[in-house]
PDB file of N, CA and C in Angstrom:
ATOM      1  N   MET A   1     105.127  98.052  93.471  1.00  0.00           N
ATOM      2  CA  MET A   1     104.703  99.500  93.680  1.00  0.00           C
ATOM      3  C   MET A   1     104.132  99.804  94.300  1.00  0.00           C
ATOM      4  N   GLU A   2     103.286 100.822  95.589  1.00  0.00           N
ATOM      5  CA  GLU A   2     102.610 100.781  95.915  1.00  0.00           C
ATOM      6  C   GLU A   2     101.545 101.436  95.048  1.00  0.00           C
ATOM      7  N   ILE A   3     100.547 101.499  95.285  1.00  0.00           N
ATOM      8  CA  ILE A   3      99.217 102.602  94.824  1.00  0.00           C
ATOM      9  C   ILE A   3      99.011 103.055  95.584  1.00  0.00           C
ATOM     10  N   SER A   4      98.907 105.046  95.269  1.00  0.00           N
ATOM     11  CA  SER A   4      98.310 105.648  96.343  1.00  0.00           C
ATOM     12  C   SER A   4      96.859 105.695  96.517  1.00  0.00           C
ATOM     13  N   ARG A   5      96.812 106.130  97.805  1.00  0.00           N
ATOM     14  CA  ARG A   5      95.481 106.069  97.681  1.00  0.00           C
ATOM     15  C   ARG A   5      94.248 106.904  97.028  1.00  0.00           C
ATOM     16  N   LYS A   6      94.837 108.376  96.559  1.00  0.00           N
ATOM     17  CA  LYS A   6      93.688 108.148  95.379  1.00  0.00           C
ATOM     18  C   LYS A   6      93.342 107.734  94.471  1.00  0.00           C
ATOM     19  N   GLU A   7      94.725 106.910  93.730  1.00  0.00           N
ATOM     20  CA  GLU A   7      94.399 105.962  92.856  1.00  0.00           C
ATOM     21  C   GLU A   7      93.180 105.011  93.501  1.00  0.00           C
ATOM     22  N   LEU A   8      93.678 104.420  94.166  1.00  0.00           N
ATOM     23  CA  LEU A   8      92.718 103.077  95.368  1.00  0.00           C
ATOM     24  C   LEU A   8      91.390 103.647  95.244  1.00  0.00           C
ATOM     25  N   VAL A   9      91.051 104.623  95.447  1.00  0.00           N
ATOM     26  CA  VAL A   9      89.927 105.270  95.541  1.00  0.00           C
ATOM     27  C   VAL A   9      88.983 105.170  94.257  1.00  0.00           C
ATOM     28  N   THR A  10      90.073 105.746  93.334  1.00  0.00           N
ATOM     29  CA  THR A  10      89.510 105.836  92.112  1.00  0.00           C
ATOM     30  C   THR A  10      88.992 104.469  91.324  1.00  0.00           C
ATOM     31  N   GLN A  11      89.609 103.353  91.654  1.00  0.00           N
ATOM     32  CA  GLN A  11      89.789 102.099  91.489  1.00  0.00           C
ATOM     33  C   GLN A  11      88.711 101.736  91.904  1.00  0.00           C
ATOM     34  N   ILE A  12      88.206 101.799  93.332  1.00  0.00           N
ATOM     35  CA  ILE A  12      87.071 101.012  94.201  1.00  0.00           C
ATOM     36  C   ILE A  12      86.042 101.695  93.276  1.00  0.00           C
ATOM     37  N   GLU A  13      85.961 102.903  92.960  1.00  0.00           N
ATOM     38  CA  GLU A  13      84.860 103.452  92.516  1.00  0.00           C
ATOM     39  C   GLU A  13      84.323 103.415  90.950  1.00  0.00           C
ATOM     40  N   HIS A  14      85.316 102.202  90.340  1.00  0.00           N
ATOM     41  CA  HIS A  14      85.371 101.814  88.875  1.00  0.00           C
ATOM     42  C   HIS A  14      84.178 100.078  89.650  1.00  0.00           C
ATOM     43  N   ALA A  15      85.280  99.646  89.996  1.00  0.00           N
ATOM     44  CA  ALA A  15      84.913  98.206  90.505  1.00  0.00           C
ATOM     45  C   ALA A  15      83.689  98.200  91.071  1.00  0.00           C
ATOM     46  N   ARG A  16      82.931  99.568  91.964  1.00  0.00           N
ATOM     47  CA  ARG A  16      81.971  99.049  92.704  1.00  0.00           C
ATOM     48  C   ARG A  16      80.748  99.172  91.229  1.00  0.00           C
ATOM     49  N   ASN A  17      81.080  99.935  90.061  1.00  0.00           N
ATOM     50  CA  ASN A  17      80.596 100.557  89.242  1.00  0.00           C
ATOM     51  C   ASN A  17      79.637  98.894  88.088  1.00  0.00           C
ATOM     52  N   ARG A  18      81.121  98.159  88.332  1.00  0.00           N
ATOM     53  CA  ARG A  18      81.281  97.313  87.634  1.00  0.00           C
ATOM     54  C   ARG A  18      80.220  96.205  88.167  1.00  0.00           C
ATOM     55  N   LEU A  19      80.907  96.037  89.517  1.00  0.00           N
ATOM     56  CA  LEU A  19      79.943  95.478  89.923  1.00  0.00           C
ATOM     57  C   LEU A  19      78.201  95.652  90.207  1.00  0.00           C
ATOM     58  N   ASN A  20      78.025  96.665  90.662  1.00  0.00           N
ATOM     59  CA  ASN A  20      76.441  97.480  90.042  1.00  0.00           C
ATOM     60  C   ASN A  20      75.697  96.990  88.647  1.00  0.00           C
ATOM     61  N   GLN A  21      77.235  97.280  87.791  1.00  0.00           N
ATOM     62  CA  GLN A  21      76.260  97.165  86.407  1.00  0.00           C
ATOM     63  C   GLN A  21      76.208  95.309  86.134  1.00  0.00           C
ATOM     64  N   SER A  22      77.081  94.778  86.500  1.00  0.00           N
ATOM     65  CA  SER A  22      76.588  93.700  86.315  1.00  0.00           C
ATOM     66  C   SER A  22      75.696  92.952  87.002  1.00  0.00           C
ATOM     67  N   ILE A  23      75.500  93.331  88.174  1.00  0.00           N
ATOM     68  CA  ILE A  23      74.009  93.098  89.047  1.00  0.00           C
ATOM     69  C   ILE A  23      72.553  93.029  88.462  1.00  0.00           C
ATOM     70  N   GLU A  24      72.651  94.426  88.338  1.00  0.00           N
ATOM     71  CA  GLU A  24      71.707  95.258  87.629  1.00  0.00           C
ATOM     72  C   GLU A  24      71.116  94.373  86.376  1.00  0.00           C
ATOM     73  N   THR A  25      71.967  93.927  85.277  1.00  0.00           N
ATOM     74  CA  THR A  25      71.980  93.909  83.857  1.00  0.00           C
ATOM     75  C   THR A  25      71.506  91.929  84.094  1.00  0.00           C
ATOM     76  N   GLY A  26      72.110  91.367  85.373  1.00  0.00           N
ATOM     77  CA  GLY A  26      71.942  89.879  85.269  1.00  0.00           C
ATOM     78  C   GLY A  26      73.014  88.985  84.967  1.00  0.00           C
ATOM     79  N   ALA A  27      74.032  89.391  84.913  1.00  0.00           N
ATOM     80  CA  ALA A  27      75.567  88.758  84.600  1.00  0.00           C
ATOM     81  C   ALA A  27      75.354  87.223  85.356  1.00  0.00           C
ATOM     82  N   ALA A  28      76.095  86.803  84.595  1.00  0.00           N
ATOM     83  CA  ALA A  28      76.454  85.672  85.253  1.00  0.00           C
ATOM     84  C   ALA A  28      76.756  85.556  86.412  1.00  0.00           C
ATOM     85  N   TYR A  29      76.573  84.686  87.556  1.00  0.00           N
ATOM     86  CA  TYR A  29      77.110  84.595  88.688  1.00  0.00           C
ATOM     87  C   TYR A  29      78.650  84.755  88.776  1.00  0.00           C
ATOM     88  N   GLU A  30      79.464  83.674  88.035  1.00  0.00           N
ATOM     89  CA  GLU A  30      80.880  83.903  87.804  1.00  0.00           C
ATOM     90  C   GLU A  30      81.136  85.474  87.506  1.00  0.00           C
ATOM     91  N   THR A  31      80.852  86.103  86.754  1.00  0.00           N
ATOM     92  CA  THR A  31      80.757  87.518  86.451  1.00  0.00           C
ATOM     93  C   THR A  31      80.883  88.142  87.659  1.00  0.00           C
ATOM     94  N   ILE A  32      79.375  88.147  88.448  1.00  0.00           N
ATOM     95  CA  ILE A  32      79.169  88.810  89.072  1.00  0.00           C
ATOM     96  C   ILE A  32      80.432  88.778  90.936  1.00  0.00           C
ATOM     97  N   TYR A  33      80.273  87.331  90.944  1.00  0.00           N
ATOM     98  CA  TYR A  33      81.340  87.227  92.382  1.00  0.00           C
ATOM     99  C   TYR A  33      82.662  87.256  91.837  1.00  0.00           C
ATOM    100  N   GLN A  34      83.074  87.497  90.707  1.00  0.00           N
ATOM    101  CA  GLN A  34      84.603  88.145  89.911  1.00  0.00           C
ATOM    102  C   GLN A  34      84.883  89.574  90.538  1.00  0.00           C
ATOM    103  N   ASN A  35      83.619  89.926  90.076  1.00  0.00           N
ATOM    104  CA  ASN A  35      83.450  91.516  90.267  1.00  0.00           C
ATOM    105  C   ASN A  35      83.316  91.593  92.071  1.00  0.00           C
ATOM    106  N   SER A  36      82.933  91.204  92.591  1.00  0.00           N
ATOM    107  CA  SER A  36      82.603  90.857  93.771  1.00  0.00           C
ATOM    108  C   SER A  36      84.141  90.868  94.930  1.00  0.00           C
ATOM    109  N   ILE A  37      84.644  90.535  93.932  1.00  0.00           N
ATOM    110  CA  ILE A  37      86.319  89.752  94.680  1.00  0.00           C
ATOM    111  C   ILE A  37      87.479  90.736  94.321  1.00  0.00           C
ATOM    112  N   GLU A  38      87.274  91.441  93.290  1.00  0.00           N
ATOM    113  CA  GLU A  38      88.083  92.673  92.637  1.00  0.00           C
ATOM    114  C   GLU A  38      87.583  93.721  93.723  1.00  0.00           C
ATOM    115  N   LEU A  39      86.808  94.117  94.120  1.00  0.00           N
ATOM    116  CA  LEU A  39      85.970  95.292  94.966  1.00  0.00           C
ATOM    117  C   LEU A  39      86.902  95.197  96.420  1.00  0.00           C
ATOM    118  N   ASP A  40      86.488  93.470  96.535  1.00  0.00           N
ATOM    119  CA  ASP A  40      86.736  93.200  98.181  1.00  0.00           C
ATOM    120  C   ASP A  40      88.068  93.300  98.035  1.00  0.00           C
ATOM    121  N   HIS A  41      89.105  93.190  97.586  1.00  0.00           N
ATOM    122  CA  HIS A  41      90.426  93.305  97.152  1.00  0.00           C
ATOM    123  C   HIS A  41      91.019  94.249  97.507  1.00  0.00           C
ATOM    124  N   LEU A  42      90.497  95.685  96.451  1.00  0.00           N
ATOM    125  CA  LEU A  42      90.876  96.816  96.741  1.00  0.00           C
ATOM    126  C   LEU A  42      90.508  97.551  98.034  1.00  0.00           C
ATOM    127  N   ILE A  43      88.884  97.144  98.258  1.00  0.00           N
ATOM    128  CA  ILE A  43      89.138  97.582  99.341  1.00  0.00           C
ATOM    129  C   ILE A  43      90.107  97.485 100.941  1.00  0.00           C
ATOM    130  N   SER A  44      90.306  96.300 100.490  1.00  0.00           N
ATOM    131  CA  SER A  44      91.016  95.653 101.810  1.00  0.00           C
ATOM    132  C   SER A  44      92.495  95.871 101.733  1.00  0.00           C
ATOM    133  N   GLN A  45      93.191  96.639 100.044  1.00  0.00           N
ATOM    134  CA  GLN A  45      94.019  97.372 100.320  1.00  0.00           C
ATOM    135  C   GLN A  45      94.121  98.992 100.789  1.00  0.00           C
ATOM    136  N   TYR A  46      93.034  99.707 100.248  1.00  0.00           N
ATOM    137  CA  TYR A  46      92.470 100.706 100.908  1.00  0.00           C
ATOM    138  C   TYR A  46      92.579 100.904 102.322  1.00  0.00           C
ATOM    139  N   ILE A  47      92.125  99.690 103.052  1.00  0.00           N
ATOM    140  CA  ILE A  47      92.026  99.982 104.724  1.00  0.00           C
ATOM    141  C   ILE A  47      93.631  99.365 104.965  1.00  0.00           C
ATOM    142  N   ALA A  48      94.285  98.558 104.478  1.00  0.00           N
ATOM    143  CA  ALA A  48      95.809  98.445 104.780  1.00  0.00           C
ATOM    144  C   ALA A  48      96.451  99.592 104.642  1.00  0.00           C
ATOM    145  N   SER A  49      96.367 100.857 103.529  1.00  0.00           N
ATOM    146  CA  SER A  49      97.009 101.466 103.422  1.00  0.00           C
ATOM    147  C   SER A  49      96.898 102.959 104.471  1.00  0.00           C
ATOM    148  N   ASN A  50      95.706 102.365 105.057  1.00  0.00           N
ATOM    149  CA  ASN A  50      95.338 103.938 106.475  1.00  0.00           C
ATOM    150  C   ASN A  50      96.226 103.309 107.867  1.00  0.00           C
ATOM    151  N   LEU A  51      96.602 102.058 107.924  1.00  0.00           N
ATOM    152  CA  LEU A  51      97.046 101.481 108.936  1.00  0.00           C
ATOM    153  C   LEU A  51      98.631 102.113 109.241  1.00  0.00           C
TER     154      LEU A  51
END
């Protein structure tokens, strides 16, 4: 099932907030890394949806 662009934007915003919060609170490297991977994946999906 394909996610709408609007939903992707919402998910990207939430993922960005989680990443920022994990960095600001000094979370473990693995947590920051996983949050970063999740955000990158969502951004890739958004870019692909615009092609």
